[in-house]
Amino acid sequence: MILQSYPGILFRCLRLPLLSSHHISRMALDSPVQGKIQEKLQEQFQPSHLEIVNESFMHNVPKGSETHFKVLVVSDKFKDLSLIKRHRLVHEVLKEELQEHVHALSVVAKTPEQWSSSAQVMEQSPACRGGFGK
């Protein structure tokens, strides 16, 4: 787990390239929705790099919510696919979570080649402009 700052706020950024089933089970107990997202993306895409950020704290939701997520998935399965097709694949895998728990999902889907030629960081999301009376 890595703590990253966002204008005066720290948030958890889970970098999860290789996790055992024990780690996935432990995470599911701590963050059930985030754990399920991790499990499904890991199983479907066998990513070389995976980051999942719960951005719920940036929105007007109860403390401890799991409603807003950003995922970065690096997988060979995205090779020769357009950006929209990559996003559709991720959304299809997380269909149940999007219907039941997740209000917003930001997706970054890259091939290993794209990832290795990039800065290899997930950009921070802008602050929510709809919550907290702003």
N, C-alpha and C. Protein backbone atom coordinates (compact mmCIF):
# COMPACT_ATOMS: atom_id res chain seq x y z
N MET A 1 0.86 -1.17 0.00
CA MET A 1 0.00 0.00 0.00
C MET A 1 0.90 1.23 0.00
N ILE A 2 0.52 2.18 -0.80
CA ILE A 2 1.29 3.41 -0.90
C ILE A 2 0.35 4.56 -0.58
N LEU A 3 0.82 5.47 0.24
CA LEU A 3 0.03 6.66 0.52
C LEU A 3 0.46 7.75 -0.45
N GLN A 4 -0.50 8.32 -1.16
CA GLN A 4 -0.22 9.41 -2.07
C GLN A 4 -0.97 10.63 -1.58
N SER A 5 -0.40 11.79 -1.85
CA SER A 5 -1.07 13.00 -1.40
C SER A 5 -1.89 13.58 -2.53
N TYR A 6 -2.93 14.24 -2.15
CA TYR A 6 -3.79 14.95 -3.08
C TYR A 6 -4.16 16.24 -2.38
N PRO A 7 -3.74 17.38 -2.91
CA PRO A 7 -3.85 18.67 -2.23
C PRO A 7 -4.31 18.61 -0.78
N GLY A 8 -3.40 18.24 0.10
CA GLY A 8 -3.70 18.23 1.53
C GLY A 8 -4.34 16.96 2.04
N ILE A 9 -4.54 15.96 1.17
CA ILE A 9 -5.21 14.73 1.57
C ILE A 9 -4.31 13.55 1.22
N LEU A 10 -4.28 12.56 2.08
CA LEU A 10 -3.58 11.32 1.77
C LEU A 10 -4.62 10.26 1.42
N PHE A 11 -4.32 9.43 0.42
CA PHE A 11 -5.22 8.34 0.12
C PHE A 11 -4.44 7.09 -0.20
N ARG A 12 -5.13 5.94 -0.06
CA ARG A 12 -4.51 4.66 -0.30
C ARG A 12 -4.49 4.35 -1.79
N CYS A 13 -3.34 3.94 -2.26
CA CYS A 13 -3.20 3.50 -3.62
C CYS A 13 -2.62 2.10 -3.55
N LEU A 14 -3.41 1.11 -3.90
CA LEU A 14 -2.93 -0.26 -3.83
C LEU A 14 -2.29 -0.65 -5.15
N ARG A 15 -1.02 -0.96 -5.11
CA ARG A 15 -0.31 -1.48 -6.28
C ARG A 15 -0.29 -2.99 -6.10
N LEU A 16 -0.98 -3.68 -6.99
CA LEU A 16 -1.20 -5.09 -6.78
C LEU A 16 -0.82 -5.94 -7.99
N PRO A 17 0.44 -5.95 -8.39
CA PRO A 17 0.79 -6.76 -9.54
C PRO A 17 0.72 -8.26 -9.28
N LEU A 18 1.14 -8.71 -8.12
CA LEU A 18 1.14 -10.13 -7.80
C LEU A 18 0.66 -10.33 -6.37
N LEU A 19 -0.52 -10.93 -6.23
CA LEU A 19 -1.04 -11.18 -4.89
C LEU A 19 -1.41 -12.64 -4.76
N SER A 20 -1.16 -13.20 -3.61
CA SER A 20 -1.60 -14.57 -3.35
C SER A 20 -3.08 -14.54 -3.01
N SER A 21 -3.70 -15.71 -3.03
CA SER A 21 -5.12 -15.77 -2.67
C SER A 21 -5.33 -15.34 -1.22
N HIS A 22 -4.33 -15.56 -0.36
CA HIS A 22 -4.42 -15.11 1.03
C HIS A 22 -4.53 -13.59 1.09
N HIS A 23 -3.69 -12.88 0.31
CA HIS A 23 -3.74 -11.42 0.30
C HIS A 23 -5.06 -10.92 -0.26
N ILE A 24 -5.56 -11.56 -1.31
CA ILE A 24 -6.85 -11.15 -1.87
C ILE A 24 -7.95 -11.36 -0.85
N SER A 25 -7.94 -12.49 -0.15
CA SER A 25 -8.95 -12.75 0.88
C SER A 25 -8.87 -11.72 1.99
N ARG A 26 -7.67 -11.36 2.43
CA ARG A 26 -7.49 -10.38 3.49
C ARG A 26 -8.02 -9.01 3.05
N MET A 27 -7.70 -8.62 1.80
CA MET A 27 -8.16 -7.34 1.30
C MET A 27 -9.69 -7.33 1.20
N ALA A 28 -10.28 -8.44 0.81
CA ALA A 28 -11.73 -8.52 0.68
C ALA A 28 -12.40 -8.28 2.03
N LEU A 29 -11.75 -8.71 3.12
CA LEU A 29 -12.31 -8.47 4.45
C LEU A 29 -12.23 -6.99 4.81
N ASP A 30 -11.14 -6.34 4.45
CA ASP A 30 -10.94 -4.94 4.77
C ASP A 30 -11.76 -4.01 3.88
N SER A 31 -11.82 -4.31 2.61
CA SER A 31 -12.52 -3.49 1.61
C SER A 31 -13.22 -4.43 0.64
N PRO A 32 -14.43 -4.87 0.96
CA PRO A 32 -15.08 -5.91 0.16
C PRO A 32 -15.25 -5.57 -1.32
N VAL A 33 -15.67 -4.36 -1.64
CA VAL A 33 -15.87 -4.00 -3.04
C VAL A 33 -14.53 -3.89 -3.76
N GLN A 34 -13.59 -3.22 -3.13
CA GLN A 34 -12.27 -3.08 -3.73
C GLN A 34 -11.61 -4.46 -3.90
N GLY A 35 -11.78 -5.33 -2.94
CA GLY A 35 -11.24 -6.68 -3.03
C GLY A 35 -11.84 -7.46 -4.19
N LYS A 36 -13.14 -7.30 -4.40
CA LYS A 36 -13.81 -7.99 -5.50
C LYS A 36 -13.34 -7.44 -6.84
N ILE A 37 -13.15 -6.14 -6.92
CA ILE A 37 -12.64 -5.52 -8.15
C ILE A 37 -11.25 -6.09 -8.45
N GLN A 38 -10.40 -6.13 -7.43
CA GLN A 38 -9.04 -6.67 -7.58
C GLN A 38 -9.09 -8.11 -8.08
N GLU A 39 -9.90 -8.91 -7.43
CA GLU A 39 -9.99 -10.33 -7.76
C GLU A 39 -10.43 -10.53 -9.21
N LYS A 40 -11.46 -9.82 -9.62
CA LYS A 40 -11.99 -9.99 -10.97
C LYS A 40 -11.03 -9.49 -12.05
N LEU A 41 -10.41 -8.34 -11.81
CA LEU A 41 -9.47 -7.82 -12.80
C LEU A 41 -8.23 -8.72 -12.91
N GLN A 42 -7.76 -9.20 -11.77
CA GLN A 42 -6.60 -10.11 -11.75
C GLN A 42 -6.91 -11.38 -12.54
N GLU A 43 -8.07 -11.94 -12.29
CA GLU A 43 -8.47 -13.20 -12.94
C GLU A 43 -8.66 -13.02 -14.44
N GLN A 44 -9.34 -11.96 -14.84
CA GLN A 44 -9.69 -11.78 -16.24
C GLN A 44 -8.51 -11.32 -17.10
N PHE A 45 -7.67 -10.43 -16.57
CA PHE A 45 -6.64 -9.81 -17.40
C PHE A 45 -5.21 -10.26 -17.09
N GLN A 46 -4.99 -10.99 -16.01
CA GLN A 46 -3.64 -11.37 -15.60
C GLN A 46 -2.67 -10.20 -15.83
N PRO A 47 -2.94 -9.07 -15.19
CA PRO A 47 -2.16 -7.87 -15.47
C PRO A 47 -0.72 -7.96 -14.99
N SER A 48 0.15 -7.28 -15.73
CA SER A 48 1.53 -7.15 -15.28
C SER A 48 1.63 -6.02 -14.26
N HIS A 49 0.64 -5.16 -14.24
CA HIS A 49 0.56 -4.07 -13.26
C HIS A 49 -0.91 -3.74 -13.05
N LEU A 50 -1.28 -3.55 -11.79
CA LEU A 50 -2.67 -3.23 -11.45
C LEU A 50 -2.67 -2.29 -10.26
N GLU A 51 -3.39 -1.19 -10.40
CA GLU A 51 -3.59 -0.27 -9.29
C GLU A 51 -5.08 0.00 -9.17
N ILE A 52 -5.54 0.01 -7.93
CA ILE A 52 -6.94 0.30 -7.65
C ILE A 52 -6.97 1.36 -6.57
N VAL A 53 -7.63 2.46 -6.86
CA VAL A 53 -7.71 3.57 -5.90
C VAL A 53 -9.18 3.81 -5.57
N ASN A 54 -9.49 3.73 -4.29
CA ASN A 54 -10.83 4.08 -3.83
C ASN A 54 -10.85 5.60 -3.66
N GLU A 55 -11.53 6.28 -4.56
CA GLU A 55 -11.60 7.74 -4.53
C GLU A 55 -12.88 8.25 -3.87
N SER A 56 -13.56 7.38 -3.18
CA SER A 56 -14.83 7.76 -2.56
C SER A 56 -14.69 8.93 -1.59
N PHE A 57 -13.56 8.99 -0.88
CA PHE A 57 -13.35 10.06 0.10
C PHE A 57 -13.37 11.44 -0.55
N MET A 58 -13.16 11.49 -1.87
CA MET A 58 -13.13 12.77 -2.58
C MET A 58 -14.55 13.26 -2.93
N HIS A 59 -15.56 12.48 -2.56
CA HIS A 59 -16.93 12.78 -2.94
C HIS A 59 -17.81 12.89 -1.69
N ASN A 60 -18.99 13.38 -1.88
CA ASN A 60 -19.93 13.58 -0.79
C ASN A 60 -20.66 12.28 -0.48
N VAL A 61 -19.92 11.35 0.14
CA VAL A 61 -20.47 10.04 0.51
C VAL A 61 -20.06 9.76 1.95
N PRO A 62 -20.74 8.83 2.61
CA PRO A 62 -20.38 8.51 4.00
C PRO A 62 -18.94 7.99 4.10
N LYS A 63 -18.32 8.26 5.22
CA LYS A 63 -16.96 7.79 5.48
C LYS A 63 -16.91 6.27 5.34
N GLY A 64 -15.85 5.78 4.70
CA GLY A 64 -15.68 4.34 4.51
C GLY A 64 -16.40 3.78 3.30
N SER A 65 -17.00 4.65 2.50
CA SER A 65 -17.73 4.20 1.31
C SER A 65 -16.80 3.60 0.27
N GLU A 66 -17.35 2.73 -0.54
CA GLU A 66 -16.64 2.16 -1.67
C GLU A 66 -17.53 2.35 -2.91
N THR A 67 -17.60 3.59 -3.35
CA THR A 67 -18.51 3.93 -4.45
C THR A 67 -17.82 4.54 -5.66
N HIS A 68 -16.63 5.07 -5.49
CA HIS A 68 -15.91 5.74 -6.57
C HIS A 68 -14.51 5.15 -6.67
N PHE A 69 -14.18 4.58 -7.82
CA PHE A 69 -12.88 3.92 -7.98
C PHE A 69 -12.19 4.37 -9.26
N LYS A 70 -10.89 4.27 -9.21
CA LYS A 70 -10.05 4.47 -10.38
C LYS A 70 -9.17 3.23 -10.49
N VAL A 71 -9.12 2.63 -11.69
CA VAL A 71 -8.28 1.45 -11.88
C VAL A 71 -7.30 1.69 -13.02
N LEU A 72 -6.12 1.16 -12.85
CA LEU A 72 -5.10 1.14 -13.88
C LEU A 72 -4.77 -0.32 -14.11
N VAL A 73 -5.02 -0.80 -15.33
CA VAL A 73 -4.79 -2.19 -15.67
C VAL A 73 -3.82 -2.25 -16.84
N VAL A 74 -2.72 -2.97 -16.67
CA VAL A 74 -1.74 -3.15 -17.73
C VAL A 74 -1.76 -4.63 -18.10
N SER A 75 -2.17 -4.92 -19.34
CA SER A 75 -2.35 -6.31 -19.72
C SER A 75 -2.09 -6.52 -21.22
N ASP A 76 -1.53 -7.68 -21.54
CA ASP A 76 -1.36 -8.08 -22.94
C ASP A 76 -2.70 -8.23 -23.63
N LYS A 77 -3.76 -8.45 -22.89
CA LYS A 77 -5.08 -8.66 -23.47
C LYS A 77 -5.63 -7.40 -24.15
N PHE A 78 -5.00 -6.26 -23.93
CA PHE A 78 -5.44 -5.01 -24.55
C PHE A 78 -4.77 -4.75 -25.90
N LYS A 79 -3.82 -5.60 -26.25
CA LYS A 79 -3.07 -5.42 -27.49
C LYS A 79 -4.03 -5.43 -28.68
N ASP A 80 -3.87 -4.49 -29.57
CA ASP A 80 -4.66 -4.34 -30.80
C ASP A 80 -6.13 -3.98 -30.55
N LEU A 81 -6.45 -3.53 -29.34
CA LEU A 81 -7.82 -3.10 -29.05
C LEU A 81 -7.84 -1.58 -28.91
N SER A 82 -8.91 -0.98 -29.40
CA SER A 82 -9.07 0.47 -29.24
C SER A 82 -9.31 0.78 -27.77
N LEU A 83 -9.13 2.04 -27.42
CA LEU A 83 -9.33 2.47 -26.04
C LEU A 83 -10.75 2.16 -25.57
N ILE A 84 -11.73 2.42 -26.42
CA ILE A 84 -13.12 2.18 -26.02
C ILE A 84 -13.38 0.69 -25.80
N LYS A 85 -12.78 -0.17 -26.61
CA LYS A 85 -12.96 -1.61 -26.43
C LYS A 85 -12.30 -2.08 -25.14
N ARG A 86 -11.18 -1.50 -24.78
CA ARG A 86 -10.51 -1.84 -23.52
C ARG A 86 -11.40 -1.46 -22.34
N HIS A 87 -11.96 -0.26 -22.40
CA HIS A 87 -12.83 0.21 -21.32
C HIS A 87 -14.08 -0.66 -21.22
N ARG A 88 -14.62 -1.03 -22.36
CA ARG A 88 -15.81 -1.89 -22.35
C ARG A 88 -15.52 -3.24 -21.73
N LEU A 89 -14.33 -3.79 -22.01
CA LEU A 89 -13.94 -5.07 -21.40
C LEU A 89 -13.89 -4.95 -19.88
N VAL A 90 -13.26 -3.89 -19.39
CA VAL A 90 -13.15 -3.69 -17.94
C VAL A 90 -14.54 -3.50 -17.34
N HIS A 91 -15.37 -2.71 -17.98
CA HIS A 91 -16.73 -2.48 -17.47
C HIS A 91 -17.54 -3.77 -17.47
N GLU A 92 -17.35 -4.61 -18.49
CA GLU A 92 -18.08 -5.88 -18.54
C GLU A 92 -17.66 -6.80 -17.39
N VAL A 93 -16.37 -6.85 -17.11
CA VAL A 93 -15.87 -7.67 -16.01
C VAL A 93 -16.43 -7.19 -14.67
N LEU A 94 -16.59 -5.88 -14.53
CA LEU A 94 -17.06 -5.29 -13.27
C LEU A 94 -18.55 -4.92 -13.32
N LYS A 95 -19.27 -5.54 -14.22
CA LYS A 95 -20.70 -5.24 -14.42
C LYS A 95 -21.51 -5.32 -13.12
N GLU A 96 -21.29 -6.38 -12.36
CA GLU A 96 -22.05 -6.56 -11.12
C GLU A 96 -21.75 -5.45 -10.11
N GLU A 97 -20.48 -5.11 -9.96
CA GLU A 97 -20.10 -4.04 -9.02
C GLU A 97 -20.67 -2.70 -9.47
N LEU A 98 -20.69 -2.45 -10.76
CA LEU A 98 -21.23 -1.19 -11.27
C LEU A 98 -22.75 -1.11 -11.08
N GLN A 99 -23.41 -2.24 -11.11
CA GLN A 99 -24.86 -2.25 -10.91
C GLN A 99 -25.24 -2.14 -9.43
N GLU A 100 -24.40 -2.68 -8.55
CA GLU A 100 -24.78 -2.78 -7.15
C GLU A 100 -24.10 -1.80 -6.21
N HIS A 101 -22.82 -1.51 -6.42
CA HIS A 101 -22.07 -0.76 -5.41
C HIS A 101 -21.37 0.48 -5.95
N VAL A 102 -20.77 0.35 -7.11
CA VAL A 102 -19.88 1.39 -7.62
C VAL A 102 -20.68 2.43 -8.41
N HIS A 103 -20.53 3.67 -8.00
CA HIS A 103 -21.21 4.78 -8.65
C HIS A 103 -20.39 5.33 -9.82
N ALA A 104 -19.06 5.33 -9.66
CA ALA A 104 -18.18 5.89 -10.69
C ALA A 104 -16.92 5.05 -10.80
N LEU A 105 -16.50 4.82 -12.05
CA LEU A 105 -15.30 4.04 -12.31
C LEU A 105 -14.49 4.73 -13.40
N SER A 106 -13.28 5.11 -13.05
CA SER A 106 -12.35 5.68 -14.01
C SER A 106 -11.38 4.57 -14.40
N VAL A 107 -11.16 4.39 -15.70
CA VAL A 107 -10.34 3.28 -16.19
C VAL A 107 -9.16 3.79 -17.00
N VAL A 108 -7.98 3.27 -16.68
CA VAL A 108 -6.79 3.46 -17.50
C VAL A 108 -6.37 2.05 -17.88
N ALA A 109 -6.41 1.73 -19.17
CA ALA A 109 -6.10 0.39 -19.66
C ALA A 109 -4.99 0.49 -20.70
N LYS A 110 -3.84 -0.11 -20.38
CA LYS A 110 -2.67 -0.01 -21.26
C LYS A 110 -2.08 -1.38 -21.53
N THR A 111 -1.36 -1.47 -22.62
CA THR A 111 -0.56 -2.66 -22.90
C THR A 111 0.75 -2.52 -22.14
N PRO A 112 1.46 -3.61 -21.93
CA PRO A 112 2.77 -3.51 -21.25
C PRO A 112 3.73 -2.57 -21.99
N GLU A 113 3.68 -2.55 -23.29
CA GLU A 113 4.55 -1.66 -24.06
C GLU A 113 4.21 -0.19 -23.80
N GLN A 114 2.92 0.12 -23.77
CA GLN A 114 2.50 1.49 -23.48
C GLN A 114 2.91 1.89 -22.06
N TRP A 115 2.75 0.97 -21.12
CA TRP A 115 3.10 1.24 -19.73
C TRP A 115 4.60 1.48 -19.59
N SER A 116 5.41 0.62 -20.22
CA SER A 116 6.87 0.75 -20.06
C SER A 116 7.41 2.01 -20.72
N SER A 117 6.73 2.52 -21.73
CA SER A 117 7.19 3.75 -22.39
C SER A 117 6.57 5.01 -21.79
N SER A 118 5.78 4.84 -20.73
CA SER A 118 5.15 5.98 -20.06
C SER A 118 5.93 6.33 -18.79
N ALA A 119 5.43 7.31 -18.06
CA ALA A 119 6.04 7.70 -16.79
C ALA A 119 5.76 6.66 -15.69
N GLN A 120 4.90 5.68 -15.97
CA GLN A 120 4.54 4.60 -15.06
C GLN A 120 3.95 5.09 -13.74
N VAL A 121 3.08 6.08 -13.84
CA VAL A 121 2.33 6.57 -12.69
C VAL A 121 0.89 6.79 -13.11
N MET A 122 -0.01 6.60 -12.17
CA MET A 122 -1.41 6.91 -12.42
C MET A 122 -1.63 8.36 -12.04
N GLU A 123 -2.15 9.12 -12.97
CA GLU A 123 -2.39 10.53 -12.68
C GLU A 123 -3.50 10.68 -11.65
N GLN A 124 -3.39 11.69 -10.83
CA GLN A 124 -4.40 11.96 -9.82
C GLN A 124 -5.66 12.51 -10.47
N SER A 125 -6.78 12.16 -9.91
CA SER A 125 -8.06 12.66 -10.40
C SER A 125 -8.29 14.06 -9.86
N PRO A 126 -9.04 14.87 -10.61
CA PRO A 126 -9.36 16.20 -10.10
C PRO A 126 -10.32 16.10 -8.91
N ALA A 127 -10.35 17.13 -8.12
CA ALA A 127 -11.27 17.16 -6.98
C ALA A 127 -12.70 17.14 -7.46
N CYS A 128 -13.57 16.51 -6.70
CA CYS A 128 -14.99 16.47 -7.01
C CYS A 128 -15.56 17.87 -6.85
N ARG A 129 -16.31 18.31 -7.85
CA ARG A 129 -16.88 19.65 -7.77
C ARG A 129 -18.35 19.60 -7.36
N GLY A 130 -18.87 18.39 -7.15
CA GLY A 130 -20.29 18.29 -6.84
C GLY A 130 -20.59 18.04 -5.38
N GLY A 131 -19.60 17.78 -4.57
CA GLY A 131 -19.87 17.44 -3.18
C GLY A 131 -19.36 18.48 -2.22
N PHE A 132 -19.70 18.27 -0.97
CA PHE A 132 -19.23 19.11 0.14
C PHE A 132 -19.59 20.57 -0.03
N GLY A 133 -20.72 20.84 -0.70
CA GLY A 133 -21.21 22.20 -0.81
C GLY A 133 -20.44 23.11 -1.74
N LYS A 134 -19.65 22.52 -2.63
CA LYS A 134 -18.86 23.34 -3.56
C LYS A 134 -19.65 23.66 -4.80
